[in-house]
PDB file of N, CA and C in Angstrom:
ATOM      1  N   UNK A   1     -15.507 163.781 105.190  1.00  0.00           N
ATOM      2  CA  UNK A   1     -16.406 164.628 105.869  1.00  0.00           C
ATOM      3  C   UNK A   1     -17.738 164.879 105.171  1.00  0.00           C
ATOM      4  N   UNK A   2     -18.745 164.277 105.563  1.00  0.00           N
ATOM      5  CA  UNK A   2     -20.014 164.538 105.082  1.00  0.00           C
ATOM      6  C   UNK A   2     -20.535 165.879 105.167  1.00  0.00           C
ATOM      7  N   UNK A   3     -21.270 166.413 104.163  1.00  0.00           N
ATOM      8  CA  UNK A   3     -21.683 167.727 104.411  1.00  0.00           C
ATOM      9  C   UNK A   3     -23.348 167.623 103.825  1.00  0.00           C
ATOM     10  N   UNK A   4     -24.225 168.047 104.581  1.00  0.00           N
ATOM     11  CA  UNK A   4     -25.684 167.930 104.126  1.00  0.00           C
ATOM     12  C   UNK A   4     -26.152 169.619 103.873  1.00  0.00           C
ATOM     13  N   UNK A   5     -26.590 169.871 102.836  1.00  0.00           N
ATOM     14  CA  UNK A   5     -27.201 171.163 102.722  1.00  0.00           C
ATOM     15  C   UNK A   5     -28.647 171.051 102.430  1.00  0.00           C
ATOM     16  N   UNK A   6     -29.499 171.334 103.652  1.00  0.00           N
ATOM     17  CA  UNK A   6     -30.969 171.097 103.417  1.00  0.00           C
ATOM     18  C   UNK A   6     -31.599 172.459 103.380  1.00  0.00           C
ATOM     19  N   UNK A   7     -32.622 172.653 102.271  1.00  0.00           N
ATOM     20  CA  UNK A   7     -33.343 173.907 102.282  1.00  0.00           C
ATOM     21  C   UNK A   7     -34.696 173.550 102.349  1.00  0.00           C
ATOM     22  N   UNK A   8     -35.378 174.418 103.096  1.00  0.00           N
ATOM     23  CA  UNK A   8     -36.769 174.369 103.420  1.00  0.00           C
ATOM     24  C   UNK A   8     -37.243 175.610 103.453  1.00  0.00           C
ATOM     25  N   UNK A   9     -38.834 175.700 103.506  1.00  0.00           N
ATOM     26  CA  UNK A   9     -39.284 177.128 103.621  1.00  0.00           C
ATOM     27  C   UNK A   9     -39.348 177.295 105.111  1.00  0.00           C
ATOM     28  N   UNK A  10     -39.429 178.721 105.460  1.00  0.00           N
ATOM     29  CA  UNK A  10     -39.512 179.041 106.940  1.00  0.00           C
ATOM     30  C   UNK A  10     -40.715 178.283 107.671  1.00  0.00           C
ATOM     31  N   UNK A  11     -40.337 178.067 109.022  1.00  0.00           N
ATOM     32  CA  UNK A  11     -41.318 177.838 109.695  1.00  0.00           C
ATOM     33  C   UNK A  11     -41.039 176.619 110.782  1.00  0.00           C
ATOM     34  N   UNK A  12     -39.832 176.007 110.456  1.00  0.00           N
ATOM     35  CA  UNK A  12     -39.637 175.009 111.312  1.00  0.00           C
ATOM     36  C   UNK A  12     -39.144 175.438 112.739  1.00  0.00           C
ATOM     37  N   UNK A  13     -39.483 174.863 113.867  1.00  0.00           N
ATOM     38  CA  UNK A  13     -38.904 175.265 115.173  1.00  0.00           C
ATOM     39  C   UNK A  13     -37.536 174.873 115.375  1.00  0.00           C
ATOM     40  N   UNK A  14     -36.944 175.343 116.352  1.00  0.00           N
ATOM     41  CA  UNK A  14     -35.628 175.075 116.610  1.00  0.00           C
ATOM     42  C   UNK A  14     -35.693 173.457 117.127  1.00  0.00           C
ATOM     43  N   UNK A  15     -36.495 172.943 117.903  1.00  0.00           N
ATOM     44  CA  UNK A  15     -36.733 171.655 118.129  1.00  0.00           C
ATOM     45  C   UNK A  15     -36.668 170.684 117.064  1.00  0.00           C
ATOM     46  N   UNK A  16     -37.276 171.099 115.890  1.00  0.00           N
ATOM     47  CA  UNK A  16     -37.508 170.217 114.875  1.00  0.00           C
ATOM     48  C   UNK A  16     -36.093 170.214 113.881  1.00  0.00           C
ATOM     49  N   UNK A  17     -35.505 171.239 113.823  1.00  0.00           N
ATOM     50  CA  UNK A  17     -34.152 171.593 113.317  1.00  0.00           C
ATOM     51  C   UNK A  17     -33.139 170.669 114.067  1.00  0.00           C
ATOM     52  N   UNK A  18     -33.167 170.644 115.398  1.00  0.00           N
ATOM     53  CA  UNK A  18     -32.223 169.714 116.260  1.00  0.00           C
ATOM     54  C   UNK A  18     -32.734 168.304 115.891  1.00  0.00           C
ATOM     55  N   UNK A  19     -33.914 167.926 115.674  1.00  0.00           N
ATOM     56  CA  UNK A  19     -34.079 166.506 115.358  1.00  0.00           C
ATOM     57  C   UNK A  19     -33.907 166.101 114.094  1.00  0.00           C
ATOM     58  N   UNK A  20     -33.912 166.930 113.156  1.00  0.00           N
ATOM     59  CA  UNK A  20     -33.519 166.815 111.724  1.00  0.00           C
ATOM     60  C   UNK A  20     -31.941 166.651 111.618  1.00  0.00           C
ATOM     61  N   UNK A  21     -31.076 167.359 112.480  1.00  0.00           N
ATOM     62  CA  UNK A  21     -29.723 167.179 112.447  1.00  0.00           C
ATOM     63  C   UNK A  21     -29.400 165.886 113.141  1.00  0.00           C
ATOM     64  N   UNK A  22     -29.975 165.647 114.223  1.00  0.00           N
ATOM     65  CA  UNK A  22     -29.867 164.326 114.986  1.00  0.00           C
ATOM     66  C   UNK A  22     -29.877 163.258 114.206  1.00  0.00           C
ATOM     67  N   UNK A  23     -31.129 163.120 113.345  1.00  0.00           N
ATOM     68  CA  UNK A  23     -31.547 162.001 112.536  1.00  0.00           C
ATOM     69  C   UNK A  23     -30.759 161.727 111.412  1.00  0.00           C
ATOM     70  N   UNK A  24     -30.333 162.761 110.645  1.00  0.00           N
ATOM     71  CA  UNK A  24     -29.648 162.845 109.512  1.00  0.00           C
ATOM     72  C   UNK A  24     -28.130 162.368 109.615  1.00  0.00           C
ATOM     73  N   UNK A  25     -27.733 162.791 111.042  1.00  0.00           N
ATOM     74  CA  UNK A  25     -26.369 162.286 111.610  1.00  0.00           C
ATOM     75  C   UNK A  25     -26.343 160.773 111.805  1.00  0.00           C
ATOM     76  N   UNK A  26     -27.471 160.454 112.338  1.00  0.00           N
ATOM     77  CA  UNK A  26     -27.605 158.964 112.761  1.00  0.00           C
ATOM     78  C   UNK A  26     -27.613 158.100 111.311  1.00  0.00           C
ATOM     79  N   UNK A  27     -28.268 158.662 110.464  1.00  0.00           N
ATOM     80  CA  UNK A  27     -28.402 158.032 108.929  1.00  0.00           C
ATOM     81  C   UNK A  27     -27.217 157.732 108.515  1.00  0.00           C
ATOM     82  N   UNK A  28     -26.292 158.695 108.464  1.00  0.00           N
ATOM     83  CA  UNK A  28     -24.822 158.734 107.998  1.00  0.00           C
ATOM     84  C   UNK A  28     -24.040 157.785 108.598  1.00  0.00           C
ATOM     85  N   UNK A  29     -23.951 157.759 110.061  1.00  0.00           N
ATOM     86  CA  UNK A  29     -23.465 156.621 110.884  1.00  0.00           C
ATOM     87  C   UNK A  29     -23.852 155.490 110.565  1.00  0.00           C
ATOM     88  N   UNK A  30     -25.132 155.145 110.555  1.00  0.00           N
ATOM     89  CA  UNK A  30     -25.659 153.746 110.424  1.00  0.00           C
ATOM     90  C   UNK A  30     -25.372 153.216 108.920  1.00  0.00           C
ATOM     91  N   UNK A  31     -25.758 154.091 107.931  1.00  0.00           N
ATOM     92  CA  UNK A  31     -25.514 153.703 106.468  1.00  0.00           C
ATOM     93  C   UNK A  31     -24.157 153.583 105.930  1.00  0.00           C
ATOM     94  N   UNK A  32     -23.505 154.678 106.248  1.00  0.00           N
ATOM     95  CA  UNK A  32     -22.236 154.862 105.623  1.00  0.00           C
ATOM     96  C   UNK A  32     -21.112 154.777 106.729  1.00  0.00           C
ATOM     97  N   UNK A  33     -21.158 154.677 107.898  1.00  0.00           N
ATOM     98  CA  UNK A  33     -20.157 154.352 108.850  1.00  0.00           C
ATOM     99  C   UNK A  33     -19.428 155.462 109.240  1.00  0.00           C
ATOM    100  N   UNK A  34     -20.078 156.928 109.001  1.00  0.00           N
ATOM    101  CA  UNK A  34     -19.381 158.053 109.025  1.00  0.00           C
ATOM    102  C   UNK A  34     -19.250 158.456 110.660  1.00  0.00           C
ATOM    103  N   UNK A  35     -18.417 159.199 110.974  1.00  0.00           N
ATOM    104  CA  UNK A  35     -18.249 159.581 112.448  1.00  0.00           C
ATOM    105  C   UNK A  35     -19.167 161.134 112.575  1.00  0.00           C
ATOM    106  N   UNK A  36     -19.947 160.832 113.677  1.00  0.00           N
ATOM    107  CA  UNK A  36     -20.728 162.073 113.891  1.00  0.00           C
ATOM    108  C   UNK A  36     -20.001 163.471 114.040  1.00  0.00           C
ATOM    109  N   UNK A  37     -18.874 163.339 114.735  1.00  0.00           N
ATOM    110  CA  UNK A  37     -18.009 164.556 114.850  1.00  0.00           C
ATOM    111  C   UNK A  37     -17.534 165.145 113.563  1.00  0.00           C
ATOM    112  N   UNK A  38     -17.778 164.264 112.563  1.00  0.00           N
ATOM    113  CA  UNK A  38     -17.184 164.738 110.974  1.00  0.00           C
ATOM    114  C   UNK A  38     -18.309 165.123 110.100  1.00  0.00           C
ATOM    115  N   UNK A  39     -19.450 165.043 110.705  1.00  0.00           N
ATOM    116  CA  UNK A  39     -20.716 165.308 109.910  1.00  0.00           C
ATOM    117  C   UNK A  39     -21.213 166.777 110.037  1.00  0.00           C
ATOM    118  N   UNK A  40     -21.435 167.497 108.981  1.00  0.00           N
ATOM    119  CA  UNK A  40     -21.850 168.718 108.904  1.00  0.00           C
ATOM    120  C   UNK A  40     -23.104 168.909 108.273  1.00  0.00           C
ATOM    121  N   UNK A  41     -24.128 169.667 108.792  1.00  0.00           N
ATOM    122  CA  UNK A  41     -25.493 169.668 108.456  1.00  0.00           C
ATOM    123  C   UNK A  41     -25.864 171.251 108.507  1.00  0.00           C
ATOM    124  N   UNK A  42     -26.122 172.040 107.404  1.00  0.00           N
ATOM    125  CA  UNK A  42     -26.609 173.175 107.112  1.00  0.00           C
ATOM    126  C   UNK A  42     -28.046 173.260 107.008  1.00  0.00           C
ATOM    127  N   UNK A  43     -28.794 173.925 107.544  1.00  0.00           N
ATOM    128  CA  UNK A  43     -30.197 174.260 107.244  1.00  0.00           C
ATOM    129  C   UNK A  43     -30.582 175.525 106.759  1.00  0.00           C
ATOM    130  N   UNK A  44     -30.979 175.712 105.588  1.00  0.00           N
ATOM    131  CA  UNK A  44     -31.305 176.960 105.064  1.00  0.00           C
ATOM    132  C   UNK A  44     -32.822 177.192 104.947  1.00  0.00           C
ATOM    133  N   UNK A  45     -33.259 178.309 105.556  1.00  0.00           N
ATOM    134  CA  UNK A  45     -34.720 178.551 105.369  1.00  0.00           C
ATOM    135  C   UNK A  45     -34.885 179.586 104.517  1.00  0.00           C
ATOM    136  N   UNK A  46     -35.818 179.258 103.540  1.00  0.00           N
ATOM    137  CA  UNK A  46     -36.170 180.277 102.503  1.00  0.00           C
ATOM    138  C   UNK A  46     -37.663 180.776 102.493  1.00  0.00           C
ATOM    139  N   UNK A  47     -37.880 181.906 102.269  1.00  0.00           N
ATOM    140  CA  UNK A  47     -39.064 182.583 102.465  1.00  0.00           C
ATOM    141  C   UNK A  47     -39.837 181.891 101.419  1.00  0.00           C
ATOM    142  N   UNK A  48     -41.207 181.692 101.828  1.00  0.00           N
ATOM    143  CA  UNK A  48     -42.053 180.971 100.864  1.00  0.00           C
ATOM    144  C   UNK A  48     -42.368 181.914  99.605  1.00  0.00           C
ATOM    145  N   UNK A  49     -42.051 183.214  99.433  1.00  0.00           N
ATOM    146  CA  UNK A  49     -42.216 183.837  98.315  1.00  0.00           C
ATOM    147  C   UNK A  49     -40.816 183.701  97.354  1.00  0.00           C
ATOM    148  N   UNK A  50     -40.018 182.889  97.822  1.00  0.00           N
ATOM    149  CA  UNK A  50     -38.788 182.613  97.184  1.00  0.00           C
ATOM    150  C   UNK A  50     -38.719 181.264  96.721  1.00  0.00           C
ATOM    151  N   UNK A  51     -39.660 180.425  96.835  1.00  0.00           N
ATOM    152  CA  UNK A  51     -39.819 179.001  96.571  1.00  0.00           C
ATOM    153  C   UNK A  51     -41.001 178.740  95.641  1.00  0.00           C
ATOM    154  N   UNK A  52     -40.749 178.324  94.318  1.00  0.00           N
ATOM    155  CA  UNK A  52     -41.867 177.875  93.678  1.00  0.00           C
ATOM    156  C   UNK A  52     -41.975 176.452  93.413  1.00  0.00           C
ATOM    157  N   UNK A  53     -43.180 175.987  93.049  1.00  0.00           N
ATOM    158  CA  UNK A  53     -43.165 174.707  92.483  1.00  0.00           C
ATOM    159  C   UNK A  53     -44.598 174.544  91.756  1.00  0.00           C
ATOM    160  N   UNK A  54     -44.707 173.536  90.994  1.00  0.00           N
ATOM    161  CA  UNK A  54     -46.151 173.410  90.519  1.00  0.00           C
ATOM    162  C   UNK A  54     -46.742 174.741  89.468  1.00  0.00           C
ATOM    163  N   UNK A  55     -45.563 175.600  89.173  1.00  0.00           N
ATOM    164  CA  UNK A  55     -45.857 176.503  88.380  1.00  0.00           C
ATOM    165  C   UNK A  55     -46.298 177.794  89.080  1.00  0.00           C
ATOM    166  N   UNK A  56     -46.107 177.923  90.706  1.00  0.00           N
ATOM    167  CA  UNK A  56     -46.641 178.761  91.375  1.00  0.00           C
ATOM    168  C   UNK A  56     -45.594 179.040  92.539  1.00  0.00           C
ATOM    169  N   UNK A  57     -45.444 180.306  93.185  1.00  0.00           N
ATOM    170  CA  UNK A  57     -44.729 180.317  94.186  1.00  0.00           C
ATOM    171  C   UNK A  57     -45.476 179.820  95.507  1.00  0.00           C
ATOM    172  N   UNK A  58     -44.657 179.241  96.411  1.00  0.00           N
ATOM    173  CA  UNK A  58     -45.438 178.549  97.649  1.00  0.00           C
ATOM    174  C   UNK A  58     -46.383 179.274  98.339  1.00  0.00           C
ATOM    175  N   UNK A  59     -46.152 180.657  98.685  1.00  0.00           N
ATOM    176  CA  UNK A  59     -47.005 181.340  99.402  1.00  0.00           C
ATOM    177  C   UNK A  59     -48.347 181.321  98.695  1.00  0.00           C
ATOM    178  N   UNK A  60     -48.279 181.512  97.405  1.00  0.00           N
ATOM    179  CA  UNK A  60     -49.648 181.336  96.700  1.00  0.00           C
ATOM    180  C   UNK A  60     -50.365 180.060  96.786  1.00  0.00           C
ATOM    181  N   UNK A  61     -49.463 179.152  96.601  1.00  0.00           N
ATOM    182  CA  UNK A  61     -50.008 177.861  96.510  1.00  0.00           C
ATOM    183  C   UNK A  61     -50.693 177.480  97.921  1.00  0.00           C
ATOM    184  N   UNK A  62     -50.065 177.843  99.096  1.00  0.00           N
ATOM    185  CA  UNK A  62     -50.527 177.577 100.322  1.00  0.00           C
ATOM    186  C   UNK A  62     -51.800 178.506 100.531  1.00  0.00           C
ATOM    187  N   UNK A  63     -51.990 179.667 100.246  1.00  0.00           N
ATOM    188  CA  UNK A  63     -53.089 180.572 100.294  1.00  0.00           C
ATOM    189  C   UNK A  63     -54.386 179.647  99.530  1.00  0.00           C
ATOM    190  N   UNK A  64     -53.934 178.980  98.374  1.00  0.00           N
ATOM    191  CA  UNK A  64     -55.087 178.564  97.693  1.00  0.00           C
ATOM    192  C   UNK A  64     -55.608 177.187  98.302  1.00  0.00           C
ATOM    193  N   UNK A  65     -54.686 176.561  98.989  1.00  0.00           N
ATOM    194  CA  UNK A  65     -55.117 175.202  99.850  1.00  0.00           C
ATOM    195  C   UNK A  65     -55.817 175.534 101.088  1.00  0.00           C
ATOM    196  N   UNK A  66     -55.676 176.900 101.676  1.00  0.00           N
ATOM    197  CA  UNK A  66     -56.275 177.500 102.865  1.00  0.00           C
ATOM    198  C   UNK A  66     -57.512 177.342 103.195  1.00  0.00           C
TER     199      UNK A  66
END
């Protein structure tokens, strides 16, 4: 039973999430021969203020790029 836990910053649309689930499932079917009905994908959305990289919080990083 494949299980994927995907963490992203908030902002993806429902349609984008559906596409992610569909394409990740297809990849597991194609590459590993897994059954779609046994594949579980969880998308966790994280506030930008709770995600950091390059030494700063994502919300500050995006403000800097803005």
